[in-house]
């Protein structure tokens, strides 16, 4: 049986484009003699549709798309993900479903059982879990079809009481097929391989695993669809961060024809986060995820041009470099906004960066604007000493300037704040925290340095002085980040323990971190939630990002 995996990038709610893309893939598979083609989870509407699912018209259009796709499912079977209505009065109104289309009809349907309700997921808000488990019959074979999370419980996960594959095994299936929308983080690719292999070895059946690709605002889906033989060997792994339509030939047993199978012995349990922060871990994939995140955010929103406030510091340099790679340097503008506190080398470094990248740049000094603000505020400030008010005022002037150019020319501002700054509140609301998309908001400062080195892996794009000089906001004479924050070598590993690994103060102190520093930093993280709640969407690359995946109270008292 020739089975195609259609690893595709969908636009949520764009039924016309999604349906056309799906039909095109079906037709290509038919032309190449395909017997069955598998698409990702909720392919017809895109994942995650969130509250669009509450609109009856949205569901109507999803089901109409399935009907339209069924017209080309004549000589080939099509496994497609879609929301469907629950006909029973009990439970939620919808199912997260997979439909088998063949001979221009829906031949069978299965519903998702395990509805994730953690981190970025909120499926139980919309869907009713399956209560019946049956295989789908196709050309004399029994297909055990599951949807994403359904394969992640191997019977011993306390989060779920049901193991869908255990239920399906009662019907003696011949093959497992999983329709997935599994998001990227820098650990998740190996985690997926591990979970697929554990299923294959547990049930002694081959598996076809089709994952989505593409960015949906903050969430990046990286593809990497898999096929494994019944012995746990890898038959094929599809590309990461790009669409793919490729076939495997299943022999009807646990093997595949012409498979260059390879052993997978080094993959590990996905629940095991590294014990400590590893800044360079999978930095190449992080780079690819950021590129896809920017491209899809702009492409799906209909934006074409970006602007970056370029300071000569490492964060803005990395954002500018990634933006130019993602969108093309002709579509990216850098705005340099030096004040009287800006050093010559910072301006020179920022100019050299734009010269290296080939993007246009403008220099607009803010010294006179800042002086005008000082004069206007002088009666109210009552000759009080220069402090954070004047520092933040410079940042807000820059924010106003860069947004003025964005409005005038239709640019989208890419924010340059990193995860270390967002965690500790080291940023100015309505100033350097402004933006339409946060590019580095899920990367600690140490990871930003590693990303800069990766960008420079073949030649010097980011001037070396930007990478080696001490980080500074340059809002007062001689200022350095370390005046307000610990050195990042001490700060970032501590933040990682609290945010990613959810370790409390006692556990973090027991690891050898300074108790006074732990207390201070954790208070900063908690007390600055109000700032993060006003921040733009962040491209998610870690297992625990700020935003929808980390929901803590703004006014909580924990550790304060």
Protein backbone atom coordinates (compact mmCIF):
# COMPACT_ATOMS: atom_id res chain seq x y z
CA UNK A 1 0.00 0.00 0.00
CA UNK A 2 1.47 3.32 -1.08
CA UNK A 3 0.86 5.82 1.73
CA UNK A 4 1.55 9.53 1.29
CA UNK A 5 2.27 11.88 4.20
CA UNK A 6 1.07 15.40 3.46
CA UNK A 7 3.05 17.60 5.86
CA UNK A 8 1.42 20.96 5.19
CA UNK A 9 1.28 24.54 6.46
CA UNK A 10 -2.28 25.80 6.99
CA UNK A 11 -3.77 29.23 7.60
CA UNK A 12 -6.32 29.09 10.42
CA UNK A 13 -9.80 29.76 9.09
CA UNK A 14 -8.64 30.21 5.49
CA UNK A 15 -10.84 27.41 4.18
CA UNK A 16 -10.42 28.29 0.53
CA UNK A 17 -6.61 28.19 0.64
CA UNK A 18 -6.45 25.18 2.96
CA UNK A 19 -8.90 23.16 0.87
CA UNK A 20 -7.10 24.01 -2.37
CA UNK A 21 -3.77 22.93 -0.84
CA UNK A 22 -5.25 19.67 0.42
CA UNK A 23 -6.93 18.86 -2.91
CA UNK A 24 -3.71 19.61 -4.78
CA UNK A 25 -1.85 17.13 -2.57
CA UNK A 26 -4.56 14.47 -3.10
CA UNK A 27 -4.31 14.92 -6.86
CA UNK A 28 -0.52 14.67 -6.78
CA UNK A 29 -0.74 11.48 -4.73
CA UNK A 30 -3.26 10.00 -7.17
CA UNK A 31 -1.01 10.81 -10.13
CA UNK A 32 1.81 8.93 -8.39
CA UNK A 33 -0.32 5.86 -7.73
CA UNK A 34 -1.08 6.52 -4.09
CA UNK A 35 -3.51 4.31 -2.19
CA UNK A 36 -3.86 6.46 0.94
CA UNK A 37 -2.87 10.00 1.89
CA UNK A 38 -2.65 11.22 5.48
CA UNK A 39 -3.02 14.85 6.57
CA UNK A 40 -2.38 16.49 9.98
CA UNK A 41 -4.80 17.17 12.84
CA UNK A 42 -7.59 19.70 12.08
CA UNK A 43 -6.10 20.23 8.63
CA UNK A 44 -9.20 21.72 7.03
CA UNK A 45 -9.40 24.64 9.48
CA UNK A 46 -5.85 24.86 10.82
CA UNK A 47 -4.63 24.31 14.37
CA UNK A 48 -5.27 25.75 16.95
CA UNK A 49 -8.56 27.42 15.93
CA UNK A 50 -9.38 28.32 19.54
CA UNK A 51 -12.60 30.33 19.96
CA UNK A 52 -13.33 30.24 16.23
CA UNK A 53 -14.72 26.83 17.16
CA UNK A 54 -17.56 28.58 18.98
CA UNK A 55 -18.91 29.96 15.69
CA UNK A 56 -21.43 27.70 13.98
CA UNK A 57 -20.42 29.08 10.60
CA UNK A 58 -16.81 28.07 11.23
CA UNK A 59 -17.90 24.47 11.77
CA UNK A 60 -20.17 24.61 8.73
CA UNK A 61 -17.27 25.73 6.58
CA UNK A 62 -15.04 22.99 8.00
CA UNK A 63 -17.58 20.32 7.12
CA UNK A 64 -18.18 21.86 3.69
CA UNK A 65 -14.43 21.64 3.08
CA UNK A 66 -14.48 17.94 3.96
CA UNK A 67 -17.34 17.40 1.52
CA UNK A 68 -15.42 19.21 -1.21
CA UNK A 69 -12.27 17.17 -0.55
CA UNK A 70 -14.31 13.94 -0.68
CA UNK A 71 -15.08 14.66 -4.34
CA UNK A 72 -11.44 13.98 -5.25
CA UNK A 73 -11.16 11.01 -2.86
CA UNK A 74 -12.36 8.58 -5.51
CA UNK A 75 -9.54 6.13 -6.23
CA UNK A 76 -7.51 7.08 -3.15
CA UNK A 77 -8.24 7.07 0.56
CA UNK A 78 -7.89 10.39 2.38
CA UNK A 79 -7.41 10.67 6.14
CA UNK A 80 -8.18 14.28 7.08
CA UNK A 81 -8.53 16.13 10.38
CA UNK A 82 -11.58 18.30 11.04
CA UNK A 83 -13.90 19.44 13.83
CA UNK A 84 -17.24 17.63 13.75
CA UNK A 85 -20.46 18.07 15.69
CA UNK A 86 -21.39 15.86 18.61
CA UNK A 87 -24.91 14.54 17.84
CA UNK A 88 -25.59 13.66 21.46
CA UNK A 89 -27.04 16.17 23.90
CA UNK A 90 -24.47 15.14 26.53
CA UNK A 91 -21.03 16.69 26.64
CA UNK A 92 -19.37 19.36 24.51
CA UNK A 93 -20.80 20.27 21.11
CA UNK A 94 -17.77 19.22 19.07
CA UNK A 95 -15.32 16.42 18.47
CA UNK A 96 -11.76 16.72 17.21
CA UNK A 97 -12.04 14.13 14.44
CA UNK A 98 -10.28 12.26 11.68
CA UNK A 99 -12.38 11.28 8.65
CA UNK A 100 -11.57 8.53 6.17
CA UNK A 101 -12.75 9.64 2.74
CA UNK A 102 -12.93 7.10 -0.09
CA UNK A 103 -15.11 6.57 -3.14
CA UNK A 104 -16.26 10.17 -2.68
CA UNK A 105 -17.82 9.50 0.72
CA UNK A 106 -16.96 9.53 4.40
CA UNK A 107 -16.27 5.86 5.02
CA UNK A 108 -15.43 6.17 8.69
CA UNK A 109 -14.57 8.58 11.47
CA UNK A 110 -12.67 8.54 14.76
CA UNK A 111 -12.58 11.15 17.52
CA UNK A 112 -9.70 12.31 19.66
CA UNK A 113 -9.75 10.83 23.16
CA UNK A 114 -7.03 12.65 25.07
CA UNK A 115 -7.68 16.39 25.00
CA UNK A 116 -4.61 18.25 26.24
CA UNK A 117 -5.34 21.02 28.68
CA UNK A 118 -1.85 22.12 29.71
CA UNK A 119 0.75 24.64 28.61
CA UNK A 120 -0.41 26.12 25.26
CA UNK A 121 -3.25 23.60 24.85
CA UNK A 122 -6.87 24.14 25.85
CA UNK A 123 -8.78 21.51 23.87
CA UNK A 124 -11.14 20.47 26.65
CA UNK A 125 -12.60 23.97 26.40
CA UNK A 126 -14.13 23.00 23.04
CA UNK A 127 -14.16 19.25 22.44
CA UNK A 128 -15.83 16.17 23.86
CA UNK A 129 -13.47 13.19 24.23
CA UNK A 130 -14.18 9.96 22.38
CA UNK A 131 -16.09 7.28 24.26
CA UNK A 132 -15.94 4.59 21.56
CA UNK A 133 -12.85 3.14 19.89
CA UNK A 134 -12.96 1.39 16.54
CA UNK A 135 -10.50 0.77 13.73
CA UNK A 136 -11.15 2.02 10.22
CA UNK A 137 -11.29 -0.59 7.47
CA UNK A 138 -9.56 0.25 4.20
CA UNK A 139 -8.73 -2.12 1.36
CA UNK A 140 -8.79 -5.15 3.57
CA UNK A 141 -6.63 -3.64 6.31
CA UNK A 142 -7.54 -2.34 9.77
CA UNK A 143 -6.22 1.12 10.51
CA UNK A 144 -5.77 2.18 14.14
CA UNK A 145 -6.20 5.93 13.64
CA UNK A 146 -5.37 8.26 16.53
CA UNK A 147 -5.01 12.03 16.84
CA UNK A 148 -1.90 13.69 18.31
CA UNK A 149 -2.11 13.40 22.11
CA UNK A 150 -3.78 9.98 21.87
CA UNK A 151 -0.40 8.26 21.48
CA UNK A 152 1.25 10.15 24.34
CA UNK A 153 -0.34 8.06 27.10
CA UNK A 154 1.17 4.61 27.24
CA UNK A 155 -1.13 3.52 30.03
CA UNK A 156 0.84 4.84 32.98
CA UNK A 157 0.33 8.61 32.68
CA UNK A 158 -1.57 9.86 35.76
CA UNK A 159 -2.99 12.76 33.69
CA UNK A 160 -5.17 10.37 31.68
CA UNK A 161 -7.12 7.29 32.70
CA UNK A 162 -7.59 5.98 29.18
CA UNK A 163 -5.03 4.66 26.72
CA UNK A 164 -6.68 4.85 23.28
CA UNK A 165 -4.30 2.40 21.61
CA UNK A 166 -5.04 -0.20 24.30
CA UNK A 167 -8.70 0.13 23.32
CA UNK A 168 -7.94 -0.13 19.60
CA UNK A 169 -5.75 -3.21 20.02
CA UNK A 170 -8.88 -5.21 20.86
CA UNK A 171 -9.78 -4.98 17.17
CA UNK A 172 -6.43 -6.40 15.98
CA UNK A 173 -5.29 -3.48 13.79
CA UNK A 174 -2.62 -3.86 11.11
CA UNK A 175 -1.05 -0.40 11.35
CA UNK A 176 -1.14 2.73 13.51
CA UNK A 177 -1.71 6.12 11.88
CA UNK A 178 -1.51 9.35 13.85
CA UNK A 179 -2.72 12.76 12.64
CA UNK A 180 -0.82 15.37 14.61
CA UNK A 181 -0.32 19.07 15.25
CA UNK A 182 2.65 18.81 17.58
CA UNK A 183 4.37 22.16 18.24
CA UNK A 184 8.07 22.84 18.24
CA UNK A 185 10.27 23.40 21.21
CA UNK A 186 13.99 22.75 21.25
CA UNK A 187 13.49 19.35 22.93
CA UNK A 188 10.32 18.13 21.27
CA UNK A 189 11.63 16.51 18.08
CA UNK A 190 13.46 13.78 20.00
CA UNK A 191 10.46 13.51 22.31
CA UNK A 192 8.18 12.74 19.38
CA UNK A 193 10.54 10.08 18.07
CA UNK A 194 10.68 8.56 21.51
CA UNK A 195 6.91 8.41 21.95
CA UNK A 196 6.34 7.01 18.44
CA UNK A 197 8.97 4.35 19.05
CA UNK A 198 7.49 3.44 22.45
CA UNK A 199 4.09 2.90 20.80
CA UNK A 200 5.61 0.82 18.02
CA UNK A 201 7.52 -1.41 20.43
CA UNK A 202 4.59 -1.71 22.83
CA UNK A 203 2.05 -2.77 20.22
CA UNK A 204 4.45 -4.35 17.69
CA UNK A 205 2.81 -2.45 14.87
CA UNK A 206 4.24 0.01 12.35
CA UNK A 207 3.24 3.67 12.64
CA UNK A 208 2.70 6.49 10.17
CA UNK A 209 2.87 9.82 12.01
CA UNK A 210 1.93 12.96 10.05
CA UNK A 211 2.66 16.29 11.70
CA UNK A 212 1.72 19.84 10.73
CA UNK A 213 4.27 22.51 9.82
CA UNK A 214 4.08 26.29 9.95
CA UNK A 215 3.71 29.06 12.51
CA UNK A 216 0.40 30.15 13.98
CA UNK A 217 1.19 33.46 15.75
CA UNK A 218 3.36 32.33 18.67
CA UNK A 219 3.24 28.57 18.08
CA UNK A 220 5.60 26.99 15.55
CA UNK A 221 4.89 23.54 14.11
CA UNK A 222 8.08 21.99 12.78
CA UNK A 223 6.89 19.00 10.75
CA UNK A 224 9.37 16.15 11.05
CA UNK A 225 6.71 13.55 10.22
CA UNK A 226 7.80 9.96 10.89
CA UNK A 227 7.30 6.41 9.69
CA UNK A 228 8.51 3.55 11.87
CA UNK A 229 8.56 -0.16 11.22
CA UNK A 230 7.21 -2.59 13.79
CA UNK A 231 10.71 -3.31 15.12
CA UNK A 232 11.14 0.33 16.15
CA UNK A 233 13.50 1.30 13.34
CA UNK A 234 13.05 4.61 11.55
CA UNK A 235 11.84 4.17 7.97
CA UNK A 236 11.73 7.87 7.09
CA UNK A 237 11.76 11.26 8.74
CA UNK A 238 10.31 14.15 6.75
CA UNK A 239 11.93 17.60 6.60
CA UNK A 240 11.72 20.06 9.46
CA UNK A 241 10.24 23.55 9.04
CA UNK A 242 9.08 22.98 5.45
CA UNK A 243 6.19 21.35 3.65
CA UNK A 244 6.58 17.87 2.27
CA UNK A 245 4.58 15.35 0.25
CA UNK A 246 6.31 11.99 0.21
CA UNK A 247 5.24 8.36 0.15
CA UNK A 248 6.21 5.10 1.76
CA UNK A 249 5.20 1.66 0.55
CA UNK A 250 3.80 -0.48 3.33
CA UNK A 251 4.07 -4.22 2.80
CA UNK A 252 0.91 -4.91 4.79
CA UNK A 253 2.84 -6.27 7.76
CA UNK A 254 5.37 -4.56 10.04
CA UNK A 255 7.73 -3.61 7.24
CA UNK A 256 8.08 -1.13 4.39
CA UNK A 257 9.46 -1.58 0.88
CA UNK A 258 12.82 -0.05 -0.08
CA UNK A 259 13.18 1.40 3.40
CA UNK A 260 16.62 2.60 4.39
CA UNK A 261 15.74 1.82 7.97
CA UNK A 262 17.99 2.99 10.78
CA UNK A 263 18.09 2.23 14.46
CA UNK A 264 16.99 4.82 17.02
CA UNK A 265 18.80 4.02 20.22
CA UNK A 266 19.74 7.44 21.58
CA UNK A 267 16.37 9.13 21.93
CA UNK A 268 15.05 9.84 25.41
CA UNK A 269 11.88 10.38 27.38
CA UNK A 270 10.47 13.80 26.38
CA UNK A 271 9.41 14.58 29.95
CA UNK A 272 13.05 14.81 31.06
CA UNK A 273 14.18 18.42 30.75
CA UNK A 274 17.93 18.97 31.00
CA UNK A 275 18.84 19.44 34.65
CA UNK A 276 20.53 22.74 33.88
CA UNK A 277 20.27 25.37 31.15
CA UNK A 278 22.22 24.44 28.02
CA UNK A 279 22.36 27.68 26.00
CA UNK A 280 23.61 26.14 22.78
CA UNK A 281 21.23 23.17 22.75
CA UNK A 282 19.65 22.74 19.30
CA UNK A 283 20.43 26.36 18.44
CA UNK A 284 20.21 25.58 14.72
CA UNK A 285 16.62 24.42 15.06
CA UNK A 286 15.80 27.45 17.21
CA UNK A 287 17.13 29.61 14.39
CA UNK A 288 14.91 27.82 11.86
CA UNK A 289 11.89 28.17 14.16
CA UNK A 290 12.39 31.92 14.48
CA UNK A 291 12.69 32.29 10.71
CA UNK A 292 9.46 30.36 10.16
CA UNK A 293 7.75 32.25 12.97
CA UNK A 294 8.53 35.62 11.38
CA UNK A 295 7.74 34.53 7.81
CA UNK A 296 4.37 33.03 8.67
CA UNK A 297 3.36 35.87 10.98
CA UNK A 298 3.97 38.35 8.17
CA UNK A 299 2.66 36.15 5.37
CA UNK A 300 -0.55 35.07 7.07
CA UNK A 301 -1.29 38.57 8.33
CA UNK A 302 -0.60 40.16 4.96
CA UNK A 303 2.35 42.19 6.23
CA UNK A 304 5.43 42.70 4.08
CA UNK A 305 7.87 45.05 5.82
CA UNK A 306 9.46 45.11 9.25
CA UNK A 307 11.23 47.75 11.32
CA UNK A 308 13.71 47.14 14.13
CA UNK A 309 15.06 49.63 16.66
CA UNK A 310 18.77 48.97 16.21
CA UNK A 311 20.87 49.99 19.20
CA UNK A 312 24.21 48.38 18.51
CA UNK A 313 23.44 45.79 21.19
CA UNK A 314 23.26 42.05 20.74
CA UNK A 315 19.48 41.63 21.03
CA UNK A 316 18.59 44.11 18.29
CA UNK A 317 21.46 42.80 16.16
CA UNK A 318 20.17 39.22 16.31
CA UNK A 319 16.58 40.31 15.61
CA UNK A 320 17.70 42.41 12.64
CA UNK A 321 19.79 39.56 11.23
CA UNK A 322 17.00 37.00 11.60
CA UNK A 323 14.43 39.42 10.15
CA UNK A 324 16.59 40.08 7.09
CA UNK A 325 17.03 36.36 6.55
CA UNK A 326 13.32 35.67 7.00
CA UNK A 327 11.88 38.55 4.96
CA UNK A 328 14.76 39.70 2.78
CA UNK A 329 16.91 42.74 3.65
CA UNK A 330 14.95 44.86 1.18
CA UNK A 331 11.90 44.46 3.44
CA UNK A 332 13.58 45.38 6.72
CA UNK A 333 14.41 48.86 8.03
CA UNK A 334 16.67 49.58 10.98
CA UNK A 335 16.11 52.75 13.00
CA UNK A 336 19.03 54.03 15.06
CA UNK A 337 17.94 56.41 17.83
CA UNK A 338 21.07 57.53 19.70
CA UNK A 339 20.85 59.80 22.74
CA UNK A 340 23.53 61.81 24.46
CA UNK A 341 24.34 58.64 26.44
CA UNK A 342 24.87 56.46 23.37
CA UNK A 343 28.48 55.58 22.66
CA UNK A 344 30.02 56.15 19.26
CA UNK A 345 30.92 52.48 18.97
CA UNK A 346 27.29 51.46 19.45
CA UNK A 347 26.16 53.67 16.58
CA UNK A 348 29.08 52.51 14.45
CA UNK A 349 28.36 48.86 15.26
CA UNK A 350 24.69 49.27 14.33
CA UNK A 351 25.61 50.94 11.05
CA UNK A 352 28.14 48.23 10.22
CA UNK A 353 25.52 45.55 10.95
CA UNK A 354 23.10 47.10 8.44
CA UNK A 355 25.90 47.44 5.90
CA UNK A 356 26.71 43.74 6.36
CA UNK A 357 23.06 42.74 6.02
CA UNK A 358 22.22 45.12 3.19
CA UNK A 359 19.12 46.60 4.81
CA UNK A 360 18.25 50.29 4.81
CA UNK A 361 18.74 52.26 8.01
CA UNK A 362 17.99 55.72 9.37
CA UNK A 363 19.64 57.64 12.20
CA UNK A 364 17.41 59.97 14.21
CA UNK A 365 19.12 61.39 17.32
CA UNK A 366 16.74 61.86 20.25
CA UNK A 367 18.86 64.25 22.31
CA UNK A 368 16.79 67.33 21.45
CA UNK A 369 13.49 65.51 21.87
CA UNK A 370 14.59 64.27 25.28
CA UNK A 371 15.64 67.79 26.27
CA UNK A 372 12.23 69.12 25.25
CA UNK A 373 10.54 66.51 27.45
CA UNK A 374 12.84 67.41 30.35
CA UNK A 375 11.95 71.08 29.98
CA UNK A 376 8.23 70.31 29.86
CA UNK A 377 8.44 68.04 32.90
CA UNK A 378 10.79 70.24 34.93
CA UNK A 379 8.05 72.00 36.94
CA UNK A 380 6.54 68.67 37.89
CA UNK A 381 9.84 66.86 38.52
CA UNK A 382 10.83 69.66 40.97
CA UNK A 383 14.61 69.27 40.43
CA UNK A 384 14.58 65.71 41.78
CA UNK A 385 17.68 63.68 40.86
CA UNK A 386 17.96 61.88 37.52
CA UNK A 387 16.62 58.35 37.95
CA UNK A 388 14.59 55.61 36.26
CA UNK A 389 11.97 58.16 35.17
CA UNK A 390 14.43 59.85 32.82
CA UNK A 391 15.83 56.47 31.72
CA UNK A 392 12.39 55.15 30.80
CA UNK A 393 11.52 58.45 29.14
CA UNK A 394 14.31 57.85 26.60
CA UNK A 395 12.99 54.38 25.92
CA UNK A 396 9.47 55.71 25.43
CA UNK A 397 10.70 58.42 23.06
CA UNK A 398 12.35 55.70 21.02
CA UNK A 399 9.15 53.68 21.12
CA UNK A 400 7.16 56.65 19.85
CA UNK A 401 9.68 57.34 17.09
CA UNK A 402 9.85 53.79 15.79
CA UNK A 403 6.06 53.44 15.91
CA UNK A 404 5.70 56.72 14.02
CA UNK A 405 7.76 55.33 11.14
CA UNK A 406 5.87 52.03 11.37
CA UNK A 407 2.55 53.85 11.04
CA UNK A 408 3.74 56.15 8.27
CA UNK A 409 5.17 53.42 6.06
CA UNK A 410 3.20 50.31 7.06
CA UNK A 411 6.01 48.55 8.90
CA UNK A 412 5.53 45.99 11.68
CA UNK A 413 7.81 46.55 14.66
CA UNK A 414 9.76 43.48 15.72
CA UNK A 415 10.42 43.54 19.44
CA UNK A 416 13.95 42.80 20.67
CA UNK A 417 13.38 41.95 24.38
CA UNK A 418 14.84 38.62 25.51
CA UNK A 419 13.48 36.16 28.08
CA UNK A 420 15.92 37.23 30.80
CA UNK A 421 14.70 40.83 30.55
CA UNK A 422 11.03 39.88 30.37
CA UNK A 423 11.41 37.58 33.35
CA UNK A 424 12.93 40.25 35.58
CA UNK A 425 11.00 43.26 34.28
CA UNK A 426 14.13 44.82 32.79
CA UNK A 427 12.24 46.69 30.10
CA UNK A 428 10.04 49.76 29.65
CA UNK A 429 6.34 49.47 28.97
CA UNK A 430 5.38 51.51 25.89
CA UNK A 431 9.07 51.87 25.14
CA UNK A 432 11.42 49.00 24.30
CA UNK A 433 8.61 46.55 25.11
CA UNK A 434 6.56 47.80 22.14
CA UNK A 435 6.15 45.60 19.09
CA UNK A 436 3.95 43.41 16.95
CA UNK A 437 5.94 40.19 17.47
CA UNK A 438 8.51 39.21 20.08
CA UNK A 439 11.37 37.45 18.30
CA UNK A 440 13.66 36.71 21.27
CA UNK A 441 11.14 36.66 24.11
CA UNK A 442 11.60 32.91 24.62
CA UNK A 443 15.41 33.00 24.55
CA UNK A 444 17.52 33.73 27.61
CA UNK A 445 20.38 36.16 27.10
CA UNK A 446 22.92 33.33 27.06
CA UNK A 447 20.94 31.71 24.25
CA UNK A 448 20.90 35.00 22.35
CA UNK A 449 24.71 35.03 22.44
CA UNK A 450 24.76 31.46 21.13
CA UNK A 451 22.33 32.41 18.36
CA UNK A 452 24.56 35.33 17.37
CA UNK A 453 27.52 32.96 17.09
CA UNK A 454 25.39 30.60 15.01
CA UNK A 455 24.39 33.42 12.65
CA UNK A 456 28.10 34.17 12.24
CA UNK A 457 29.02 30.52 11.67
CA UNK A 458 30.10 31.03 8.06
CA UNK A 459 31.12 34.69 8.04
CA UNK A 460 30.92 37.77 10.25
CA UNK A 461 27.41 39.17 9.85
CA UNK A 462 27.03 40.54 13.37
CA UNK A 463 30.12 42.63 14.17
CA UNK A 464 32.24 40.88 16.75
CA UNK A 465 32.26 43.96 18.98
CA UNK A 466 28.48 43.62 19.42
CA UNK A 467 28.97 40.07 20.71
CA UNK A 468 31.89 40.77 23.03
CA UNK A 469 31.07 44.13 24.63
CA UNK A 470 29.21 44.21 27.98
CA UNK A 471 25.42 44.52 27.44
CA UNK A 472 24.03 47.99 28.19
CA UNK A 473 20.80 49.92 27.69
CA UNK A 474 22.88 53.14 27.52
CA UNK A 475 20.29 55.23 29.33
CA UNK A 476 22.82 56.95 31.59
CA UNK A 477 26.59 57.46 31.48
CA UNK A 478 28.55 54.19 31.74
CA UNK A 479 25.46 52.07 32.33
CA UNK A 480 25.71 48.27 32.07
CA UNK A 481 23.01 45.59 32.47
CA UNK A 482 24.99 44.21 35.41
CA UNK A 483 24.27 47.44 37.33
CA UNK A 484 20.66 46.28 37.67
CA UNK A 485 20.84 42.53 37.12
CA UNK A 486 23.26 39.77 38.08
CA UNK A 487 25.65 38.61 35.39
CA UNK A 488 23.73 36.49 32.91
CA UNK A 489 25.89 33.45 33.73
CA UNK A 490 24.32 33.53 37.20
CA UNK A 491 20.87 34.85 36.27
CA UNK A 492 19.83 32.64 33.36
CA UNK A 493 20.47 29.24 34.97
CA UNK A 494 18.43 30.38 37.97
CA UNK A 495 15.55 31.58 35.79
CA UNK A 496 15.60 28.29 33.89
CA UNK A 497 15.09 26.35 37.10
CA UNK A 498 12.12 28.49 38.11
CA UNK A 499 10.41 28.92 34.75
CA UNK A 500 11.15 25.78 32.72
CA UNK A 501 11.68 23.27 35.51
CA UNK A 502 9.19 24.83 37.97
CA UNK A 503 11.55 24.48 40.90
CA UNK A 504 10.73 26.40 44.07
CA UNK A 505 13.21 28.51 46.05
CA UNK A 506 14.29 25.69 48.36
CA UNK A 507 15.13 23.39 45.46
CA UNK A 508 16.99 26.15 43.60
CA UNK A 509 19.02 27.10 46.67
CA UNK A 510 19.83 23.42 47.23
CA UNK A 511 21.45 23.40 43.77
CA UNK A 512 24.02 25.89 45.01
CA UNK A 513 22.45 29.20 43.99
CA UNK A 514 22.91 32.12 46.37
CA UNK A 515 19.85 32.34 48.68
CA UNK A 516 19.72 36.15 48.62
CA UNK A 517 19.94 36.17 44.84
CA UNK A 518 17.25 33.47 44.52
CA UNK A 519 14.87 35.45 46.71
CA UNK A 520 15.50 38.68 44.82
CA UNK A 521 15.16 37.18 41.33
CA UNK A 522 12.03 35.15 42.04
CA UNK A 523 10.36 38.25 43.47
CA UNK A 524 11.28 40.13 40.30
CA UNK A 525 9.79 37.41 38.11
CA UNK A 526 6.50 37.35 39.99
CA UNK A 527 6.13 41.09 40.48
CA UNK A 528 6.62 41.81 36.76
CA UNK A 529 3.83 39.60 35.46
CA UNK A 530 1.78 42.76 34.84
CA UNK A 531 4.35 43.87 32.29
CA UNK A 532 4.39 40.54 30.48
CA UNK A 533 0.61 40.46 30.31
CA UNK A 534 0.81 43.59 28.12
CA UNK A 535 3.53 42.22 25.89
CA UNK A 536 3.19 41.21 22.23
CA UNK A 537 3.03 37.56 21.06
CA UNK A 538 6.34 35.72 21.48
CA UNK A 539 7.65 33.09 19.07
CA UNK A 540 7.70 29.97 21.24
CA UNK A 541 10.87 27.85 21.11
CA UNK A 542 11.17 26.45 24.66
CA UNK A 543 9.11 23.96 26.65
CA UNK A 544 7.77 26.83 28.80
CA UNK A 545 7.36 30.21 27.16
CA UNK A 546 5.83 33.40 28.47
CA UNK A 547 2.37 33.97 27.09
CA UNK A 548 -0.52 31.55 26.73
CA UNK A 549 1.61 28.63 27.92
CA UNK A 550 2.42 30.20 31.31
CA UNK A 551 -0.61 31.47 33.16
CA UNK A 552 0.10 32.92 36.58
CA UNK A 553 -1.84 35.57 38.50
CA UNK A 554 -0.71 39.16 38.19
CA UNK A 555 -1.64 39.89 41.80
CA UNK A 556 -0.43 36.58 43.26
CA UNK A 557 1.47 36.57 46.55
CA UNK A 558 3.60 33.44 45.96
CA UNK A 559 7.26 34.07 46.91
CA UNK A 560 6.78 37.82 47.29
